[in-house]
Amino acid sequence: MRLRNIPGSREEIAASRFAVNEPEMNKGRWAEEFGNDNPVRIEVGMGKGRFLMNLACANSQYNYIGIEMYSSVLIRAIQKAQVIDPCPQNFCFIRMDAQDLETVFAPGEVDRIYLNFSDPWPKARHAHRRLTSQTFLRRYEKILKPGGQIEFKTDNMDLFDFSLEEIAVAGWNLIAETRDLHHIPILSEGNIMTEYEERFSLKGNPICKLIAAPA
């Protein structure tokens, strides 16, 4: 799906207090950006930001960074953030390609990575672009702290099967997994839904979730 360009969105993002414009300057220094030593958790492909901002509002003991590569999507998250009252100070956004994570985060600087309803890239030749591919798992492994985890949710069964296979081949530990999240009390307790999750659930689509960590 082609995303509609929104004139002036990049300029508005650059001027927003919620956006970090030169994130590579904070590599190894995110504690200074937030003004505390709380663990840093990131969402890769955050979309319009509902999930991340709800997490931030509910968990002041963590710092959250939302990563989105499309200006036309990120601007919607910024507009939502502007009307939160009171607005927590423990989140920010970055417009960047997830391929560049290692230029923004130092080894061991990230506590947890959230991947929610990522683009399935259904064609086989695009498999390396999937955010749960071995290519990306290697990137995550470099920035996660010891004991750090990824949490992945999707309604796409083929992508979920692919993700389980990639995690096994990469030698990661699969901590938990389900193909029906909303009917598994242990995993669904405290679950914060994304906009996609809510939409798909209302249609009766089961939601898959896995939690994994580097070995």
N, C-alpha and C. Protein backbone atom coordinates (compact mmCIF):
# COMPACT_ATOMS: atom_id res chain seq x y z
N MET A 1 0.83 -1.19 0.00
CA MET A 1 0.00 0.00 0.00
C MET A 1 0.88 1.25 0.00
N ARG A 2 0.61 2.14 -0.91
CA ARG A 2 1.38 3.37 -0.98
C ARG A 2 0.83 4.38 0.02
N LEU A 3 1.73 4.97 0.80
CA LEU A 3 1.32 5.94 1.80
C LEU A 3 1.24 7.33 1.19
N ARG A 4 0.17 8.03 1.53
CA ARG A 4 -0.03 9.36 1.00
C ARG A 4 0.95 10.34 1.65
N ASN A 5 1.62 11.11 0.82
CA ASN A 5 2.53 12.13 1.34
C ASN A 5 1.72 13.28 1.94
N ILE A 6 2.15 13.75 3.09
CA ILE A 6 1.49 14.88 3.75
C ILE A 6 2.43 16.07 3.69
N PRO A 7 2.10 17.07 2.88
CA PRO A 7 2.98 18.23 2.74
C PRO A 7 3.29 18.88 4.10
N GLY A 8 4.58 19.15 4.32
CA GLY A 8 4.99 19.80 5.55
C GLY A 8 5.19 18.88 6.73
N SER A 9 4.95 17.58 6.54
CA SER A 9 5.04 16.65 7.68
C SER A 9 6.47 16.55 8.23
N ARG A 10 7.46 16.52 7.36
CA ARG A 10 8.83 16.42 7.85
C ARG A 10 9.24 17.65 8.65
N GLU A 11 8.79 18.81 8.20
CA GLU A 11 9.11 20.04 8.91
C GLU A 11 8.42 20.07 10.28
N GLU A 12 7.17 19.60 10.30
CA GLU A 12 6.44 19.58 11.57
C GLU A 12 7.06 18.59 12.54
N ILE A 13 7.51 17.45 12.02
CA ILE A 13 8.19 16.46 12.87
C ILE A 13 9.47 17.04 13.44
N ALA A 14 10.25 17.70 12.60
CA ALA A 14 11.53 18.27 13.03
C ALA A 14 11.34 19.31 14.13
N ALA A 15 10.21 20.00 14.11
CA ALA A 15 9.96 21.06 15.09
C ALA A 15 9.29 20.55 16.37
N SER A 16 8.89 19.28 16.38
CA SER A 16 8.14 18.76 17.52
C SER A 16 9.05 18.40 18.69
N ARG A 17 8.58 18.68 19.89
CA ARG A 17 9.34 18.32 21.08
C ARG A 17 9.32 16.81 21.33
N PHE A 18 8.43 16.11 20.64
CA PHE A 18 8.35 14.66 20.82
C PHE A 18 9.32 13.90 19.92
N ALA A 19 9.90 14.56 18.94
CA ALA A 19 10.78 13.90 17.98
C ALA A 19 12.24 14.21 18.28
N VAL A 20 13.07 13.17 18.13
CA VAL A 20 14.52 13.34 18.27
C VAL A 20 15.09 13.36 16.86
N ASN A 21 15.67 14.50 16.46
CA ASN A 21 16.05 14.71 15.07
C ASN A 21 17.42 14.15 14.69
N GLU A 22 18.33 14.05 15.64
CA GLU A 22 19.65 13.49 15.37
C GLU A 22 19.91 12.37 16.38
N PRO A 23 19.14 11.28 16.27
CA PRO A 23 19.20 10.23 17.30
C PRO A 23 20.57 9.57 17.43
N GLU A 24 21.36 9.58 16.35
CA GLU A 24 22.69 8.96 16.44
C GLU A 24 23.57 9.68 17.46
N MET A 25 23.25 10.93 17.77
CA MET A 25 24.03 11.69 18.76
C MET A 25 23.76 11.16 20.18
N ASN A 26 22.67 10.42 20.34
CA ASN A 26 22.32 9.89 21.65
C ASN A 26 22.78 8.45 21.86
N LYS A 27 23.46 7.89 20.90
CA LYS A 27 23.93 6.51 21.03
C LYS A 27 24.78 6.37 22.29
N GLY A 28 24.36 5.47 23.16
CA GLY A 28 25.06 5.27 24.43
C GLY A 28 24.76 6.33 25.46
N ARG A 29 23.86 7.28 25.11
CA ARG A 29 23.58 8.41 26.00
C ARG A 29 22.08 8.66 26.17
N TRP A 30 21.26 7.65 25.97
CA TRP A 30 19.83 7.86 26.08
C TRP A 30 19.40 8.21 27.50
N ALA A 31 20.17 7.80 28.48
CA ALA A 31 19.86 8.19 29.86
C ALA A 31 19.92 9.70 30.02
N GLU A 32 20.85 10.32 29.30
CA GLU A 32 20.95 11.79 29.35
C GLU A 32 19.75 12.44 28.66
N GLU A 33 19.32 11.87 27.57
CA GLU A 33 18.16 12.41 26.85
C GLU A 33 16.92 12.41 27.74
N PHE A 34 16.73 11.32 28.49
CA PHE A 34 15.54 11.22 29.34
C PHE A 34 15.75 11.81 30.73
N GLY A 35 17.01 12.00 31.09
CA GLY A 35 17.29 12.57 32.41
C GLY A 35 17.15 11.58 33.54
N ASN A 36 17.26 10.28 33.23
CA ASN A 36 17.20 9.25 34.27
C ASN A 36 17.84 7.98 33.75
N ASP A 37 17.99 7.01 34.64
CA ASP A 37 18.63 5.74 34.27
C ASP A 37 17.62 4.61 34.07
N ASN A 38 16.36 4.96 33.85
CA ASN A 38 15.35 3.93 33.65
C ASN A 38 15.62 3.13 32.38
N PRO A 39 15.25 1.84 32.37
CA PRO A 39 15.46 1.01 31.18
C PRO A 39 14.77 1.60 29.95
N VAL A 40 15.41 1.42 28.79
CA VAL A 40 14.89 1.92 27.53
C VAL A 40 14.21 0.78 26.77
N ARG A 41 12.97 1.02 26.36
CA ARG A 41 12.23 0.05 25.57
C ARG A 41 11.80 0.71 24.27
N ILE A 42 11.91 -0.01 23.16
CA ILE A 42 11.60 0.59 21.87
C ILE A 42 10.53 -0.22 21.13
N GLU A 43 9.75 0.49 20.33
CA GLU A 43 8.81 -0.16 19.42
C GLU A 43 9.27 0.15 18.01
N VAL A 44 9.51 -0.90 17.25
CA VAL A 44 9.97 -0.75 15.87
C VAL A 44 8.76 -0.86 14.94
N GLY A 45 8.52 0.21 14.17
CA GLY A 45 7.33 0.26 13.34
C GLY A 45 6.12 0.60 14.18
N MET A 46 6.16 1.75 14.83
CA MET A 46 5.15 2.08 15.85
C MET A 46 3.85 2.60 15.26
N GLY A 47 3.82 2.89 13.96
CA GLY A 47 2.59 3.39 13.36
C GLY A 47 2.17 4.72 13.98
N LYS A 48 0.91 4.82 14.35
CA LYS A 48 0.37 6.07 14.89
C LYS A 48 0.61 6.25 16.38
N GLY A 49 1.31 5.31 16.99
CA GLY A 49 1.82 5.51 18.34
C GLY A 49 0.91 5.19 19.50
N ARG A 50 -0.28 4.70 19.25
CA ARG A 50 -1.21 4.44 20.36
C ARG A 50 -0.62 3.49 21.40
N PHE A 51 -0.08 2.37 20.95
CA PHE A 51 0.48 1.36 21.84
C PHE A 51 1.59 1.96 22.70
N LEU A 52 2.54 2.62 22.06
CA LEU A 52 3.69 3.16 22.78
C LEU A 52 3.27 4.20 23.81
N MET A 53 2.39 5.11 23.43
CA MET A 53 1.99 6.17 24.35
C MET A 53 1.17 5.62 25.52
N ASN A 54 0.35 4.61 25.28
CA ASN A 54 -0.38 3.98 26.38
C ASN A 54 0.57 3.27 27.33
N LEU A 55 1.60 2.64 26.78
CA LEU A 55 2.62 2.01 27.62
C LEU A 55 3.30 3.05 28.50
N ALA A 56 3.68 4.16 27.89
CA ALA A 56 4.39 5.21 28.61
C ALA A 56 3.52 5.79 29.73
N CYS A 57 2.24 5.97 29.46
CA CYS A 57 1.35 6.51 30.47
C CYS A 57 1.17 5.54 31.64
N ALA A 58 1.24 4.25 31.35
CA ALA A 58 0.99 3.24 32.39
C ALA A 58 2.25 2.80 33.12
N ASN A 59 3.43 3.14 32.59
CA ASN A 59 4.67 2.61 33.16
C ASN A 59 5.74 3.70 33.23
N SER A 60 5.67 4.52 34.24
CA SER A 60 6.62 5.63 34.36
C SER A 60 8.04 5.16 34.68
N GLN A 61 8.20 3.89 35.04
CA GLN A 61 9.52 3.36 35.41
C GLN A 61 10.36 2.96 34.20
N TYR A 62 9.81 3.14 32.99
CA TYR A 62 10.53 2.83 31.75
C TYR A 62 10.52 4.05 30.83
N ASN A 63 11.53 4.11 29.98
CA ASN A 63 11.57 5.11 28.92
C ASN A 63 11.25 4.41 27.60
N TYR A 64 10.43 5.04 26.77
CA TYR A 64 9.97 4.42 25.53
C TYR A 64 10.35 5.27 24.32
N ILE A 65 10.81 4.57 23.29
CA ILE A 65 11.18 5.24 22.04
C ILE A 65 10.43 4.55 20.90
N GLY A 66 9.66 5.32 20.18
CA GLY A 66 8.93 4.79 19.03
C GLY A 66 9.67 5.08 17.74
N ILE A 67 9.84 4.07 16.92
CA ILE A 67 10.58 4.19 15.66
C ILE A 67 9.62 3.97 14.50
N GLU A 68 9.59 4.93 13.60
CA GLU A 68 8.72 4.85 12.42
C GLU A 68 9.43 5.51 11.25
N MET A 69 9.42 4.86 10.10
CA MET A 69 10.18 5.39 8.97
C MET A 69 9.39 6.33 8.07
N TYR A 70 8.06 6.32 8.20
CA TYR A 70 7.25 7.13 7.30
C TYR A 70 6.76 8.41 7.99
N SER A 71 7.11 9.55 7.42
CA SER A 71 6.70 10.84 7.98
C SER A 71 5.18 10.97 8.04
N SER A 72 4.51 10.47 7.01
CA SER A 72 3.05 10.59 6.94
C SER A 72 2.35 9.82 8.05
N VAL A 73 3.03 8.83 8.63
CA VAL A 73 2.48 8.07 9.75
C VAL A 73 2.92 8.70 11.07
N LEU A 74 4.19 9.03 11.16
CA LEU A 74 4.73 9.59 12.40
C LEU A 74 4.04 10.89 12.79
N ILE A 75 3.68 11.69 11.80
CA ILE A 75 3.02 12.96 12.11
C ILE A 75 1.70 12.74 12.84
N ARG A 76 1.03 11.64 12.56
CA ARG A 76 -0.22 11.32 13.25
C ARG A 76 0.05 11.00 14.72
N ALA A 77 1.15 10.33 14.99
CA ALA A 77 1.52 10.03 16.37
C ALA A 77 1.81 11.32 17.13
N ILE A 78 2.52 12.22 16.49
CA ILE A 78 2.84 13.49 17.13
C ILE A 78 1.57 14.28 17.44
N GLN A 79 0.64 14.27 16.51
CA GLN A 79 -0.62 14.98 16.73
C GLN A 79 -1.39 14.38 17.90
N LYS A 80 -1.33 13.08 18.06
CA LYS A 80 -1.99 12.43 19.20
C LYS A 80 -1.28 12.78 20.50
N ALA A 81 0.04 12.81 20.46
CA ALA A 81 0.80 13.13 21.67
C ALA A 81 0.51 14.54 22.16
N GLN A 82 0.26 15.42 21.25
CA GLN A 82 0.05 16.82 21.60
C GLN A 82 -1.22 17.05 22.43
N VAL A 83 -2.15 16.12 22.38
CA VAL A 83 -3.41 16.32 23.11
C VAL A 83 -3.50 15.47 24.37
N ILE A 84 -2.43 14.74 24.71
CA ILE A 84 -2.42 13.97 25.96
C ILE A 84 -2.27 14.94 27.13
N ASP A 85 -3.14 14.82 28.11
CA ASP A 85 -3.10 15.73 29.26
C ASP A 85 -3.50 14.97 30.53
N PRO A 86 -2.58 14.83 31.47
CA PRO A 86 -1.18 15.30 31.41
C PRO A 86 -0.34 14.37 30.54
N CYS A 87 0.67 14.92 29.94
CA CYS A 87 1.52 14.14 29.03
C CYS A 87 2.77 13.66 29.76
N PRO A 88 3.03 12.34 29.79
CA PRO A 88 4.24 11.85 30.45
C PRO A 88 5.49 12.28 29.69
N GLN A 89 6.60 12.28 30.39
CA GLN A 89 7.87 12.72 29.80
C GLN A 89 8.78 11.55 29.44
N ASN A 90 8.24 10.34 29.46
CA ASN A 90 9.08 9.16 29.28
C ASN A 90 8.94 8.50 27.92
N PHE A 91 8.63 9.29 26.89
CA PHE A 91 8.60 8.72 25.54
C PHE A 91 9.02 9.77 24.53
N CYS A 92 9.50 9.27 23.39
CA CYS A 92 9.85 10.14 22.27
C CYS A 92 9.78 9.32 21.00
N PHE A 93 9.90 10.00 19.85
CA PHE A 93 9.79 9.34 18.56
C PHE A 93 11.03 9.60 17.72
N ILE A 94 11.32 8.64 16.84
CA ILE A 94 12.41 8.80 15.88
C ILE A 94 11.90 8.42 14.51
N ARG A 95 12.15 9.26 13.52
CA ARG A 95 11.85 8.87 12.13
C ARG A 95 13.12 8.29 11.54
N MET A 96 13.11 6.97 11.33
CA MET A 96 14.31 6.31 10.82
C MET A 96 13.94 4.93 10.30
N ASP A 97 14.85 4.36 9.54
CA ASP A 97 14.73 3.00 9.05
C ASP A 97 15.31 2.07 10.11
N ALA A 98 14.59 1.01 10.43
CA ALA A 98 15.04 0.07 11.46
C ALA A 98 16.35 -0.61 11.10
N GLN A 99 16.75 -0.57 9.84
CA GLN A 99 18.04 -1.13 9.47
C GLN A 99 19.20 -0.40 10.15
N ASP A 100 18.92 0.82 10.63
CA ASP A 100 19.99 1.64 11.21
C ASP A 100 19.99 1.64 12.73
N LEU A 101 19.36 0.66 13.35
CA LEU A 101 19.28 0.63 14.81
C LEU A 101 20.64 0.72 15.49
N GLU A 102 21.65 0.09 14.91
CA GLU A 102 22.96 0.06 15.56
C GLU A 102 23.66 1.42 15.53
N THR A 103 23.18 2.34 14.70
CA THR A 103 23.77 3.67 14.68
C THR A 103 23.15 4.56 15.75
N VAL A 104 22.07 4.10 16.36
CA VAL A 104 21.33 4.91 17.32
C VAL A 104 21.42 4.36 18.75
N PHE A 105 21.60 3.05 18.87
CA PHE A 105 21.65 2.42 20.19
C PHE A 105 22.97 1.66 20.36
N ALA A 106 23.58 1.84 21.53
CA ALA A 106 24.83 1.16 21.85
C ALA A 106 24.55 -0.28 22.27
N PRO A 107 25.56 -1.14 22.24
CA PRO A 107 25.37 -2.52 22.70
C PRO A 107 24.82 -2.54 24.13
N GLY A 108 23.77 -3.31 24.33
CA GLY A 108 23.18 -3.46 25.65
C GLY A 108 22.37 -2.28 26.14
N GLU A 109 22.04 -1.34 25.27
CA GLU A 109 21.34 -0.13 25.72
C GLU A 109 19.83 -0.29 25.75
N VAL A 110 19.30 -1.33 25.12
CA VAL A 110 17.85 -1.51 25.01
C VAL A 110 17.40 -2.69 25.87
N ASP A 111 16.35 -2.45 26.63
CA ASP A 111 15.82 -3.46 27.54
C ASP A 111 14.82 -4.39 26.87
N ARG A 112 13.99 -3.84 25.98
CA ARG A 112 12.96 -4.64 25.32
C ARG A 112 12.60 -4.01 23.98
N ILE A 113 12.22 -4.87 23.02
CA ILE A 113 11.82 -4.41 21.70
C ILE A 113 10.42 -4.95 21.40
N TYR A 114 9.53 -4.05 21.03
CA TYR A 114 8.16 -4.44 20.66
C TYR A 114 8.01 -4.38 19.14
N LEU A 115 7.42 -5.43 18.60
CA LEU A 115 7.12 -5.51 17.16
C LEU A 115 5.63 -5.83 17.05
N ASN A 116 4.85 -4.90 16.58
CA ASN A 116 3.41 -5.07 16.54
C ASN A 116 2.85 -4.98 15.13
N PHE A 117 2.28 -6.09 14.66
CA PHE A 117 1.59 -6.13 13.37
C PHE A 117 2.46 -5.55 12.26
N SER A 118 3.67 -6.08 12.23
CA SER A 118 4.66 -5.63 11.24
C SER A 118 4.24 -6.02 9.83
N ASP A 119 4.75 -5.27 8.86
CA ASP A 119 4.51 -5.59 7.44
C ASP A 119 4.98 -7.02 7.17
N PRO A 120 4.11 -7.89 6.63
CA PRO A 120 4.50 -9.29 6.41
C PRO A 120 5.43 -9.50 5.22
N TRP A 121 5.57 -8.51 4.35
CA TRP A 121 6.41 -8.67 3.15
C TRP A 121 6.21 -10.08 2.58
N PRO A 122 5.06 -10.38 2.00
CA PRO A 122 4.70 -11.75 1.64
C PRO A 122 5.56 -12.41 0.56
N LYS A 123 6.19 -11.63 -0.30
CA LYS A 123 7.01 -12.25 -1.35
C LYS A 123 8.30 -12.81 -0.76
N ALA A 124 8.67 -14.01 -1.20
CA ALA A 124 9.83 -14.70 -0.65
C ALA A 124 11.11 -13.87 -0.79
N ARG A 125 11.24 -13.15 -1.90
CA ARG A 125 12.47 -12.39 -2.11
C ARG A 125 12.60 -11.21 -1.14
N HIS A 126 11.51 -10.89 -0.43
CA HIS A 126 11.54 -9.79 0.53
C HIS A 126 11.64 -10.29 1.98
N ALA A 127 11.87 -11.58 2.15
CA ALA A 127 11.87 -12.16 3.50
C ALA A 127 12.84 -11.45 4.44
N HIS A 128 13.97 -10.99 3.91
CA HIS A 128 14.97 -10.34 4.77
C HIS A 128 14.48 -9.01 5.33
N ARG A 129 13.41 -8.46 4.75
CA ARG A 129 12.86 -7.19 5.24
C ARG A 129 11.90 -7.38 6.41
N ARG A 130 11.47 -8.61 6.63
CA ARG A 130 10.55 -8.85 7.74
C ARG A 130 11.25 -8.59 9.06
N LEU A 131 10.57 -7.94 9.97
CA LEU A 131 11.21 -7.49 11.21
C LEU A 131 11.53 -8.62 12.17
N THR A 132 11.09 -9.84 11.84
CA THR A 132 11.47 -11.00 12.66
C THR A 132 12.40 -11.93 11.89
N SER A 133 12.98 -11.45 10.80
CA SER A 133 13.93 -12.26 10.04
C SER A 133 15.24 -12.37 10.81
N GLN A 134 16.07 -13.34 10.42
CA GLN A 134 17.38 -13.47 11.05
C GLN A 134 18.20 -12.20 10.89
N THR A 135 18.02 -11.53 9.76
CA THR A 135 18.74 -10.27 9.52
C THR A 135 18.46 -9.28 10.63
N PHE A 136 17.20 -9.13 10.99
CA PHE A 136 16.84 -8.18 12.05
C PHE A 136 17.13 -8.74 13.43
N LEU A 137 16.98 -10.05 13.63
CA LEU A 137 17.30 -10.63 14.93
C LEU A 137 18.76 -10.37 15.29
N ARG A 138 19.64 -10.42 14.30
CA ARG A 138 21.05 -10.12 14.56
C ARG A 138 21.23 -8.67 15.00
N ARG A 139 20.45 -7.77 14.40
CA ARG A 139 20.51 -6.36 14.81
C ARG A 139 20.02 -6.19 16.24
N TYR A 140 18.92 -6.84 16.55
CA TYR A 140 18.37 -6.73 17.90
C TYR A 140 19.35 -7.28 18.94
N GLU A 141 19.98 -8.38 18.59
CA GLU A 141 20.90 -9.02 19.52
C GLU A 141 22.04 -8.09 19.92
N LYS A 142 22.44 -7.22 19.01
CA LYS A 142 23.56 -6.32 19.27
C LYS A 142 23.19 -5.18 20.21
N ILE A 143 21.92 -4.79 20.25
CA ILE A 143 21.55 -3.64 21.08
C ILE A 143 20.81 -4.02 22.36
N LEU A 144 20.31 -5.26 22.43
CA LEU A 144 19.63 -5.69 23.64
C LEU A 144 20.61 -5.95 24.77
N LYS A 145 20.22 -5.62 25.97
CA LYS A 145 21.04 -5.92 27.13
C LYS A 145 20.92 -7.41 27.44
N PRO A 146 21.82 -7.97 28.24
CA PRO A 146 21.67 -9.37 28.66
C PRO A 146 20.32 -9.56 29.35
N GLY A 147 19.58 -10.54 28.90
CA GLY A 147 18.25 -10.77 29.45
C GLY A 147 17.16 -10.00 28.73
N GLY A 148 17.54 -9.15 27.76
CA GLY A 148 16.57 -8.38 27.01
C GLY A 148 15.72 -9.27 26.12
N GLN A 149 14.55 -8.80 25.75
CA GLN A 149 13.59 -9.61 25.01
C GLN A 149 12.96 -8.84 23.87
N ILE A 150 12.39 -9.60 22.93
CA ILE A 150 11.49 -9.01 21.95
C ILE A 150 10.10 -9.57 22.20
N GLU A 151 9.08 -8.74 21.96
CA GLU A 151 7.69 -9.18 22.01
C GLU A 151 7.07 -8.87 20.65
N PHE A 152 6.47 -9.88 20.06
CA PHE A 152 5.95 -9.76 18.70
C PHE A 152 4.49 -10.18 18.66
N LYS A 153 3.64 -9.32 18.09
CA LYS A 153 2.23 -9.65 17.91
C LYS A 153 1.85 -9.50 16.44
N THR A 154 0.98 -10.38 15.97
CA THR A 154 0.50 -10.33 14.59
C THR A 154 -0.78 -11.13 14.46
N ASP A 155 -1.55 -10.85 13.42
CA ASP A 155 -2.69 -11.69 13.11
C ASP A 155 -2.40 -12.54 11.87
N ASN A 156 -1.19 -12.40 11.34
CA ASN A 156 -0.79 -13.09 10.12
C ASN A 156 -0.12 -14.43 10.47
N MET A 157 -0.83 -15.52 10.26
CA MET A 157 -0.33 -16.84 10.65
C MET A 157 0.94 -17.22 9.91
N ASP A 158 1.01 -16.89 8.63
CA ASP A 158 2.21 -17.21 7.86
C ASP A 158 3.43 -16.47 8.40
N LEU A 159 3.25 -15.21 8.75
CA LEU A 159 4.36 -14.44 9.31
C LEU A 159 4.74 -14.98 10.69
N PHE A 160 3.75 -15.42 11.45
CA PHE A 160 4.04 -15.98 12.77
C PHE A 160 4.84 -17.27 12.64
N ASP A 161 4.44 -18.15 11.71
CA ASP A 161 5.19 -19.39 11.47
C ASP A 161 6.62 -19.07 11.05
N PHE A 162 6.77 -18.13 10.14
CA PHE A 162 8.10 -17.70 9.69
C PHE A 162 8.93 -17.21 10.87
N SER A 163 8.32 -16.43 11.75
CA SER A 163 9.04 -15.85 12.88
C SER A 163 9.52 -16.94 13.84
N LEU A 164 8.68 -17.92 14.10
CA LEU A 164 9.08 -19.04 14.96
C LEU A 164 10.26 -19.79 14.36
N GLU A 165 10.24 -19.99 13.06
CA GLU A 165 11.33 -20.69 12.39
C GLU A 165 12.63 -19.88 12.46
N GLU A 166 12.53 -18.58 12.22
CA GLU A 166 13.72 -17.74 12.25
C GLU A 166 14.34 -17.67 13.65
N ILE A 167 13.51 -17.61 14.65
CA ILE A 167 14.00 -17.58 16.04
C ILE A 167 14.74 -18.86 16.37
N ALA A 168 14.20 -19.98 15.92
CA ALA A 168 14.86 -21.27 16.18
C ALA A 168 16.20 -21.35 15.46
N VAL A 169 16.22 -20.98 14.18
CA VAL A 169 17.46 -21.05 13.40
C VAL A 169 18.51 -20.09 13.95
N ALA A 170 18.06 -18.93 14.44
CA ALA A 170 19.00 -17.94 14.99
C ALA A 170 19.55 -18.36 16.35
N GLY A 171 18.98 -19.41 16.93
CA GLY A 171 19.48 -19.89 18.22
C GLY A 171 18.94 -19.11 19.41
N TRP A 172 17.86 -18.35 19.19
CA TRP A 172 17.25 -17.60 20.29
C TRP A 172 16.41 -18.52 21.16
N ASN A 173 16.13 -18.07 22.37
CA ASN A 173 15.25 -18.81 23.27
C ASN A 173 13.81 -18.32 23.11
N LEU A 174 12.90 -19.24 22.83
CA LEU A 174 11.48 -18.90 22.75
C LEU A 174 10.91 -19.02 24.16
N ILE A 175 10.52 -17.89 24.73
CA ILE A 175 10.06 -17.85 26.11
C ILE A 175 8.58 -18.19 26.22
N ALA A 176 7.79 -17.68 25.29
CA ALA A 176 6.35 -17.95 25.30
C ALA A 176 5.80 -17.71 23.90
N GLU A 177 4.71 -18.42 23.58
CA GLU A 177 4.04 -18.19 22.30
C GLU A 177 2.62 -18.70 22.35
N THR A 178 1.76 -18.00 21.63
CA THR A 178 0.36 -18.40 21.54
C THR A 178 -0.20 -17.93 20.20
N ARG A 179 -1.20 -18.66 19.73
CA ARG A 179 -1.90 -18.26 18.51
C ARG A 179 -3.29 -17.71 18.83
N ASP A 180 -3.55 -17.47 20.09
CA ASP A 180 -4.85 -16.93 20.49
C ASP A 180 -4.67 -16.11 21.76
N LEU A 181 -3.96 -15.01 21.64
CA LEU A 181 -3.54 -14.20 22.79
C LEU A 181 -4.68 -13.83 23.73
N HIS A 182 -5.79 -13.40 23.19
CA HIS A 182 -6.86 -12.86 24.03
C HIS A 182 -7.60 -13.92 24.84
N HIS A 183 -7.25 -15.19 24.62
CA HIS A 183 -7.86 -16.26 25.40
C HIS A 183 -6.84 -17.00 26.26
N ILE A 184 -5.68 -16.39 26.43
CA ILE A 184 -4.63 -16.97 27.28
C ILE A 184 -4.37 -15.98 28.42
N PRO A 185 -4.98 -16.18 29.58
CA PRO A 185 -4.92 -15.20 30.67
C PRO A 185 -3.50 -14.78 31.06
N ILE A 186 -2.56 -15.72 31.11
CA ILE A 186 -1.21 -15.38 31.57
C ILE A 186 -0.56 -14.38 30.62
N LEU A 187 -0.74 -14.56 29.31
CA LEU A 187 -0.10 -13.68 28.34
C LEU A 187 -0.92 -12.42 28.06
N SER A 188 -2.23 -12.50 28.23
CA SER A 188 -3.06 -11.34 27.90
C SER A 188 -3.23 -10.38 29.07
N GLU A 189 -2.81 -10.78 30.26
CA GLU A 189 -2.94 -9.89 31.42
C GLU A 189 -2.13 -8.61 31.19
N GLY A 190 -2.79 -7.49 31.30
CA GLY A 190 -2.12 -6.21 31.10
C GLY A 190 -1.81 -5.89 29.64
N ASN A 191 -2.37 -6.67 28.72
CA ASN A 191 -2.11 -6.45 27.31
C ASN A 191 -2.66 -5.10 26.85
N ILE A 192 -1.83 -4.34 26.18
CA ILE A 192 -2.25 -3.07 25.61
C ILE A 192 -2.42 -3.27 24.11
N MET A 193 -3.60 -3.00 23.61
CA MET A 193 -3.89 -3.26 22.21
C MET A 193 -3.46 -2.10 21.31
N THR A 194 -2.97 -2.45 20.15
CA THR A 194 -2.71 -1.46 19.11
C THR A 194 -4.01 -1.22 18.36
N GLU A 195 -4.00 -0.21 17.50
CA GLU A 195 -5.19 0.06 16.68
C GLU A 195 -5.50 -1.12 15.77
N TYR A 196 -4.45 -1.71 15.18
CA TYR A 196 -4.66 -2.88 14.32
C TYR A 196 -5.23 -4.05 15.12
N GLU A 197 -4.68 -4.26 16.30
CA GLU A 197 -5.12 -5.38 17.13
C GLU A 197 -6.60 -5.27 17.46
N GLU A 198 -7.02 -4.08 17.82
CA GLU A 198 -8.42 -3.87 18.15
C GLU A 198 -9.31 -4.13 16.93
N ARG A 199 -8.86 -3.63 15.78
CA ARG A 199 -9.63 -3.80 14.55
C ARG A 199 -9.73 -5.27 14.16
N PHE A 200 -8.60 -5.98 14.19
CA PHE A 200 -8.60 -7.38 13.80
C PHE A 200 -9.40 -8.24 14.79
N SER A 201 -9.29 -7.91 16.08
CA SER A 201 -10.01 -8.68 17.09
C SER A 201 -11.52 -8.55 16.92
N LEU A 202 -11.98 -7.35 16.58
CA LEU A 202 -13.40 -7.13 16.37
C LEU A 202 -13.92 -7.94 15.19
N LYS A 203 -13.04 -8.26 14.25
CA LYS A 203 -13.41 -9.09 13.11
C LYS A 203 -13.36 -10.58 13.45
N GLY A 204 -12.90 -10.90 14.65
CA GLY A 204 -12.80 -12.29 15.06
C GLY A 204 -11.47 -12.95 14.74
N ASN A 205 -10.50 -12.16 14.29
CA ASN A 205 -9.19 -12.72 13.97
C ASN A 205 -8.42 -13.04 15.25
N PRO A 206 -7.90 -14.26 15.40
CA PRO A 206 -7.06 -14.55 16.56
C PRO A 206 -5.74 -13.80 16.47
N ILE A 207 -5.22 -13.38 17.60
CA ILE A 207 -3.96 -12.63 17.66
C ILE A 207 -2.87 -13.56 18.16
N CYS A 208 -1.77 -13.59 17.41
CA CYS A 208 -0.62 -14.41 17.81
C CYS A 208 0.40 -13.54 18.56
N LYS A 209 1.07 -14.13 19.50
CA LYS A 209 2.12 -13.42 20.22
C LYS A 209 3.25 -14.36 20.59
N LEU A 210 4.47 -13.85 20.51
CA LEU A 210 5.62 -14.58 21.01
C LEU A 210 6.54 -13.65 21.77
N ILE A 211 7.26 -14.22 22.71
CA ILE A 211 8.29 -13.53 23.45
C ILE A 211 9.56 -14.34 23.31
N ALA A 212 10.66 -13.71 22.94
CA ALA A 212 11.90 -14.43 22.70
C ALA A 212 13.08 -13.59 23.16
N ALA A 213 14.21 -14.26 23.39
CA ALA A 213 15.42 -13.57 23.84
C ALA A 213 16.65 -14.25 23.24
N PRO A 214 17.70 -13.49 22.98
CA PRO A 214 18.93 -14.09 22.50
C PRO A 214 19.45 -15.13 23.51
N ALA A 215 20.04 -16.20 23.02
CA ALA A 215 20.56 -17.25 23.90
C ALA A 215 21.74 -16.73 24.70
